[in-house]
N, C-alpha and C. Protein backbone atom coordinates (compact mmCIF):
# COMPACT_ATOMS: atom_id res chain seq x y z
N UNK A 1 9.07 -33.81 49.03
CA UNK A 1 9.00 -32.65 49.88
C UNK A 1 9.24 -31.40 49.02
N UNK A 2 8.35 -30.44 49.06
CA UNK A 2 8.50 -29.24 48.24
C UNK A 2 9.65 -28.35 48.72
N UNK A 3 10.11 -27.50 47.83
CA UNK A 3 11.22 -26.59 48.10
C UNK A 3 10.77 -25.16 47.86
N UNK A 4 11.06 -24.28 48.80
CA UNK A 4 10.75 -22.86 48.58
C UNK A 4 11.84 -22.24 47.71
N UNK A 5 11.56 -21.08 47.17
CA UNK A 5 12.53 -20.37 46.36
C UNK A 5 13.76 -20.04 47.21
N UNK A 6 13.53 -19.57 48.42
CA UNK A 6 14.63 -19.26 49.32
C UNK A 6 15.51 -20.46 49.60
N UNK A 7 14.89 -21.62 49.82
CA UNK A 7 15.65 -22.84 50.08
C UNK A 7 16.50 -23.24 48.87
N UNK A 8 15.94 -23.09 47.67
CA UNK A 8 16.67 -23.46 46.46
C UNK A 8 17.91 -22.58 46.29
N UNK A 9 17.75 -21.28 46.48
CA UNK A 9 18.91 -20.38 46.38
C UNK A 9 19.93 -20.69 47.47
N UNK A 10 19.47 -20.89 48.70
CA UNK A 10 20.37 -21.18 49.82
C UNK A 10 21.16 -22.47 49.58
N UNK A 11 20.51 -23.48 49.02
CA UNK A 11 21.18 -24.76 48.75
C UNK A 11 22.33 -24.59 47.76
N UNK A 12 22.22 -23.57 46.89
CA UNK A 12 23.28 -23.29 45.91
C UNK A 12 24.27 -22.25 46.43
N UNK A 13 24.07 -21.80 47.68
CA UNK A 13 24.95 -20.79 48.25
C UNK A 13 24.72 -19.41 47.66
N UNK A 14 23.50 -19.16 47.20
CA UNK A 14 23.16 -17.88 46.57
C UNK A 14 22.10 -17.14 47.37
N UNK A 15 22.03 -15.84 47.16
CA UNK A 15 21.02 -15.00 47.79
C UNK A 15 20.17 -14.36 46.70
N UNK A 16 18.85 -14.54 46.73
CA UNK A 16 18.01 -13.92 45.70
C UNK A 16 18.04 -12.40 45.82
N UNK A 17 18.02 -11.74 44.67
CA UNK A 17 18.04 -10.27 44.67
C UNK A 17 16.66 -9.67 44.55
N UNK A 18 15.67 -10.50 44.32
CA UNK A 18 14.31 -9.98 44.22
C UNK A 18 13.43 -10.86 43.38
N UNK A 19 12.20 -10.43 43.25
CA UNK A 19 11.19 -11.16 42.49
C UNK A 19 10.74 -10.28 41.34
N UNK A 20 10.62 -10.87 40.17
CA UNK A 20 10.15 -10.16 38.99
C UNK A 20 8.87 -10.84 38.54
N UNK A 21 7.80 -10.10 38.43
CA UNK A 21 6.53 -10.64 37.97
C UNK A 21 6.65 -11.07 36.51
N UNK A 22 5.98 -12.17 36.17
CA UNK A 22 6.02 -12.70 34.80
C UNK A 22 5.65 -11.61 33.80
N UNK A 23 6.44 -11.49 32.76
CA UNK A 23 6.20 -10.50 31.72
C UNK A 23 7.02 -9.23 31.91
N UNK A 24 7.66 -9.08 33.07
CA UNK A 24 8.46 -7.90 33.37
C UNK A 24 9.93 -8.22 33.17
N UNK A 25 10.60 -7.48 32.30
CA UNK A 25 12.03 -7.70 32.09
C UNK A 25 12.82 -6.98 33.17
N UNK A 26 13.69 -7.69 33.86
CA UNK A 26 14.52 -7.03 34.88
C UNK A 26 15.60 -6.17 34.23
N UNK A 27 16.08 -5.19 34.92
CA UNK A 27 17.18 -4.36 34.43
C UNK A 27 18.50 -4.96 34.89
N UNK A 28 18.62 -6.24 34.75
CA UNK A 28 19.81 -6.97 35.19
C UNK A 28 20.42 -7.65 33.97
N UNK A 29 21.50 -7.07 33.44
CA UNK A 29 22.12 -7.60 32.23
C UNK A 29 23.32 -8.49 32.55
N UNK A 30 23.62 -8.66 33.83
CA UNK A 30 24.74 -9.50 34.23
C UNK A 30 24.30 -10.96 34.29
N UNK A 31 25.27 -11.87 34.39
CA UNK A 31 24.93 -13.29 34.53
C UNK A 31 24.23 -13.56 35.86
N UNK A 32 23.46 -14.63 35.89
CA UNK A 32 22.81 -14.99 37.14
C UNK A 32 21.94 -16.22 37.02
N UNK A 33 21.43 -16.65 38.16
CA UNK A 33 20.53 -17.79 38.26
C UNK A 33 19.12 -17.24 38.40
N UNK A 34 18.18 -17.87 37.73
CA UNK A 34 16.78 -17.46 37.85
C UNK A 34 15.91 -18.68 38.08
N UNK A 35 14.78 -18.44 38.72
CA UNK A 35 13.82 -19.50 38.99
C UNK A 35 12.47 -19.06 38.47
N UNK A 36 11.87 -19.89 37.63
CA UNK A 36 10.50 -19.65 37.16
C UNK A 36 9.60 -20.42 38.14
N UNK A 37 8.67 -19.71 38.76
CA UNK A 37 7.89 -20.35 39.81
C UNK A 37 6.43 -19.89 39.80
N UNK A 38 5.64 -20.52 40.63
CA UNK A 38 4.21 -20.24 40.72
C UNK A 38 3.84 -19.34 41.90
N UNK A 39 4.82 -18.82 42.60
CA UNK A 39 4.56 -18.03 43.79
C UNK A 39 5.27 -16.68 43.73
N UNK A 40 4.78 -15.75 44.50
CA UNK A 40 5.44 -14.44 44.63
C UNK A 40 6.25 -14.37 45.90
N UNK A 41 6.34 -15.46 46.63
CA UNK A 41 6.99 -15.49 47.93
C UNK A 41 8.27 -16.32 47.88
N UNK A 42 9.29 -15.86 48.57
CA UNK A 42 10.54 -16.62 48.64
C UNK A 42 10.43 -17.81 49.60
N UNK A 43 9.49 -17.75 50.54
CA UNK A 43 9.44 -18.75 51.59
C UNK A 43 8.07 -19.39 51.80
N UNK A 44 7.26 -19.45 50.76
CA UNK A 44 5.93 -20.06 50.90
C UNK A 44 5.60 -20.90 49.67
N UNK A 45 4.52 -21.64 49.78
CA UNK A 45 4.08 -22.51 48.69
C UNK A 45 2.76 -22.06 48.09
N UNK A 46 2.35 -20.82 48.38
CA UNK A 46 1.11 -20.33 47.79
C UNK A 46 1.29 -20.29 46.27
N UNK A 47 0.26 -20.60 45.56
CA UNK A 47 0.33 -20.62 44.11
C UNK A 47 0.52 -22.00 43.51
N UNK A 48 0.80 -22.99 44.36
CA UNK A 48 1.00 -24.33 43.81
C UNK A 48 -0.27 -24.83 43.16
N UNK A 49 -0.12 -25.68 42.17
CA UNK A 49 -1.25 -26.23 41.42
C UNK A 49 -1.21 -27.75 41.50
N UNK A 50 -2.31 -28.35 41.84
CA UNK A 50 -2.39 -29.80 41.98
C UNK A 50 -2.24 -30.48 40.62
N UNK A 51 -2.80 -29.86 39.57
CA UNK A 51 -2.70 -30.43 38.22
C UNK A 51 -1.98 -29.46 37.31
N UNK A 52 -1.24 -29.99 36.35
CA UNK A 52 -0.52 -29.17 35.38
C UNK A 52 -1.52 -28.38 34.53
N UNK A 53 -1.30 -27.08 34.36
CA UNK A 53 -2.22 -26.25 33.56
C UNK A 53 -1.90 -26.37 32.07
N UNK A 54 -2.28 -27.49 31.47
CA UNK A 54 -1.95 -27.75 30.07
C UNK A 54 -3.11 -27.36 29.16
N UNK A 55 -2.77 -26.80 28.02
CA UNK A 55 -3.77 -26.38 27.04
C UNK A 55 -3.70 -27.28 25.81
N UNK A 56 -4.79 -27.94 25.50
CA UNK A 56 -4.86 -28.84 24.35
C UNK A 56 -4.39 -28.13 23.08
N UNK A 57 -4.84 -26.90 22.88
CA UNK A 57 -4.49 -26.16 21.65
C UNK A 57 -2.98 -25.97 21.51
N UNK A 58 -2.27 -25.79 22.61
CA UNK A 58 -0.82 -25.63 22.56
C UNK A 58 -0.13 -26.93 22.17
N UNK A 59 -0.65 -28.05 22.64
CA UNK A 59 -0.07 -29.34 22.27
C UNK A 59 -0.38 -29.67 20.82
N UNK A 60 -1.57 -29.30 20.35
CA UNK A 60 -1.90 -29.48 18.94
C UNK A 60 -0.93 -28.69 18.06
N UNK A 61 -0.67 -27.46 18.46
CA UNK A 61 0.26 -26.62 17.71
C UNK A 61 1.68 -27.20 17.75
N UNK A 62 2.09 -27.69 18.90
CA UNK A 62 3.41 -28.29 19.06
C UNK A 62 3.59 -29.45 18.08
N UNK A 63 2.58 -30.31 17.97
CA UNK A 63 2.68 -31.45 17.05
C UNK A 63 2.63 -31.01 15.58
N UNK A 64 1.93 -29.91 15.30
CA UNK A 64 1.92 -29.39 13.92
C UNK A 64 3.29 -28.82 13.55
N UNK A 65 3.88 -28.08 14.47
CA UNK A 65 5.17 -27.43 14.21
C UNK A 65 6.31 -28.45 14.20
N UNK A 66 6.19 -29.50 14.98
CA UNK A 66 7.24 -30.53 15.09
C UNK A 66 6.67 -31.91 14.73
N UNK A 67 6.35 -32.12 13.47
CA UNK A 67 5.73 -33.40 13.09
C UNK A 67 6.67 -34.59 13.27
N UNK A 68 7.97 -34.33 13.40
CA UNK A 68 8.93 -35.42 13.59
C UNK A 68 9.04 -35.86 15.06
N UNK A 69 8.34 -35.17 15.96
CA UNK A 69 8.38 -35.51 17.38
C UNK A 69 7.84 -36.92 17.59
N UNK A 70 8.59 -37.70 18.37
CA UNK A 70 8.12 -39.04 18.71
C UNK A 70 8.14 -39.23 20.22
N UNK A 71 7.36 -40.17 20.66
CA UNK A 71 7.27 -40.54 22.06
C UNK A 71 7.44 -42.04 22.10
N UNK A 72 8.51 -42.50 22.70
CA UNK A 72 8.84 -43.94 22.72
C UNK A 72 8.92 -44.49 21.30
N UNK A 73 9.45 -43.69 20.38
CA UNK A 73 9.67 -44.13 19.01
C UNK A 73 8.46 -44.04 18.09
N UNK A 74 7.34 -43.51 18.60
CA UNK A 74 6.10 -43.44 17.81
C UNK A 74 5.56 -42.01 17.88
N UNK A 75 4.98 -41.54 16.77
CA UNK A 75 4.37 -40.22 16.78
C UNK A 75 3.14 -40.26 17.71
N UNK A 76 3.14 -39.42 18.76
CA UNK A 76 2.05 -39.48 19.74
C UNK A 76 0.82 -38.69 19.29
N UNK A 77 -0.31 -39.04 19.89
CA UNK A 77 -1.50 -38.20 19.77
C UNK A 77 -1.33 -37.04 20.75
N UNK A 78 -2.19 -36.05 20.63
CA UNK A 78 -2.16 -34.92 21.55
C UNK A 78 -2.35 -35.43 22.98
N UNK A 79 -3.30 -36.29 23.19
CA UNK A 79 -3.60 -36.80 24.53
C UNK A 79 -2.42 -37.60 25.10
N UNK A 80 -1.77 -38.41 24.27
CA UNK A 80 -0.62 -39.18 24.74
C UNK A 80 0.51 -38.26 25.17
N UNK A 81 0.77 -37.23 24.39
CA UNK A 81 1.83 -36.28 24.72
C UNK A 81 1.49 -35.52 26.00
N UNK A 82 0.25 -35.08 26.11
CA UNK A 82 -0.17 -34.37 27.32
C UNK A 82 -0.05 -35.28 28.55
N UNK A 83 -0.45 -36.52 28.41
CA UNK A 83 -0.36 -37.47 29.53
C UNK A 83 1.10 -37.64 29.97
N UNK A 84 2.03 -37.73 29.04
CA UNK A 84 3.44 -37.87 29.39
C UNK A 84 3.95 -36.65 30.13
N UNK A 85 3.61 -35.47 29.61
CA UNK A 85 4.06 -34.24 30.26
C UNK A 85 3.45 -34.12 31.66
N UNK A 86 2.18 -34.48 31.82
CA UNK A 86 1.53 -34.43 33.13
C UNK A 86 2.24 -35.32 34.15
N UNK A 87 2.86 -36.40 33.66
CA UNK A 87 3.56 -37.32 34.54
C UNK A 87 4.77 -36.69 35.22
N UNK A 88 5.27 -35.58 34.69
CA UNK A 88 6.42 -34.90 35.28
C UNK A 88 6.00 -33.84 36.30
N UNK A 89 4.70 -33.57 36.39
CA UNK A 89 4.21 -32.53 37.29
C UNK A 89 4.33 -32.98 38.73
N UNK A 90 4.81 -32.08 39.61
CA UNK A 90 4.92 -32.36 41.04
C UNK A 90 3.89 -31.46 41.73
N UNK A 91 2.79 -32.02 42.22
CA UNK A 91 1.66 -31.22 42.69
C UNK A 91 1.92 -30.26 43.84
N UNK A 92 2.88 -30.55 44.72
CA UNK A 92 3.09 -29.65 45.85
C UNK A 92 4.29 -28.72 45.64
N UNK A 93 4.83 -28.69 44.44
CA UNK A 93 6.01 -27.87 44.15
C UNK A 93 5.61 -26.56 43.50
N UNK A 94 6.33 -25.48 43.81
CA UNK A 94 6.06 -24.18 43.18
C UNK A 94 7.14 -23.82 42.16
N UNK A 95 8.27 -24.51 42.18
CA UNK A 95 9.36 -24.24 41.24
C UNK A 95 9.10 -24.99 39.95
N UNK A 96 9.08 -24.25 38.83
CA UNK A 96 8.88 -24.87 37.52
C UNK A 96 10.19 -25.11 36.80
N UNK A 97 11.15 -24.19 36.99
CA UNK A 97 12.39 -24.27 36.23
C UNK A 97 13.46 -23.44 36.92
N UNK A 98 14.69 -23.92 36.91
CA UNK A 98 15.84 -23.16 37.42
C UNK A 98 16.84 -23.08 36.29
N UNK A 99 17.30 -21.86 36.01
CA UNK A 99 18.22 -21.68 34.90
C UNK A 99 19.38 -20.77 35.24
N UNK A 100 20.38 -20.80 34.38
CA UNK A 100 21.56 -19.95 34.49
C UNK A 100 21.63 -19.16 33.19
N UNK A 101 21.83 -17.85 33.31
CA UNK A 101 21.84 -16.99 32.12
C UNK A 101 23.07 -16.10 32.11
N UNK A 102 23.57 -15.81 30.91
CA UNK A 102 24.66 -14.85 30.78
C UNK A 102 24.15 -13.43 30.97
N UNK A 103 22.89 -13.20 30.60
CA UNK A 103 22.22 -11.92 30.82
C UNK A 103 20.80 -12.23 31.27
N UNK A 104 20.49 -11.93 32.51
CA UNK A 104 19.15 -12.24 33.02
C UNK A 104 18.06 -11.53 32.23
N UNK A 105 18.28 -10.26 31.88
CA UNK A 105 17.28 -9.51 31.15
C UNK A 105 17.02 -10.12 29.77
N UNK A 106 18.08 -10.47 29.06
CA UNK A 106 17.91 -11.06 27.72
C UNK A 106 17.24 -12.43 27.81
N UNK A 107 17.66 -13.26 28.76
CA UNK A 107 17.11 -14.60 28.87
C UNK A 107 15.62 -14.57 29.22
N UNK A 108 15.25 -13.73 30.16
CA UNK A 108 13.83 -13.64 30.52
C UNK A 108 13.03 -13.06 29.37
N UNK A 109 13.62 -12.15 28.60
CA UNK A 109 12.96 -11.62 27.41
C UNK A 109 12.64 -12.74 26.42
N UNK A 110 13.55 -13.73 26.30
CA UNK A 110 13.32 -14.88 25.42
C UNK A 110 12.10 -15.68 25.89
N UNK A 111 11.98 -15.86 27.20
CA UNK A 111 10.81 -16.58 27.73
C UNK A 111 9.53 -15.88 27.36
N UNK A 112 9.49 -14.58 27.51
CA UNK A 112 8.25 -13.83 27.27
C UNK A 112 7.85 -13.88 25.80
N UNK A 113 8.82 -13.96 24.92
CA UNK A 113 8.52 -14.06 23.48
C UNK A 113 8.06 -15.46 23.17
């Protein structure tokens, strides 16, 4: 069962302070919880993706940068690694990641870089 952004915050006893579009650093330097999601709505599932938006070139680069990476004890091919990551995708979910930061502005800046 999918979870809205509002439901996720409510389950933690928190109230969201707003939505920040990807690439925009908030002027919030205090600690806080953030959610990386596929929607602009606190209470809807618009934006969900049935399949993970994976880019072959990014996985190729990942394996070049981390040649010691293994999957089940063996160095994977690009396709094997992509297949494993796709297995974690939840097609009806809009939440990609929930995090806690000491400074929301600094942490989101790290994501954008």
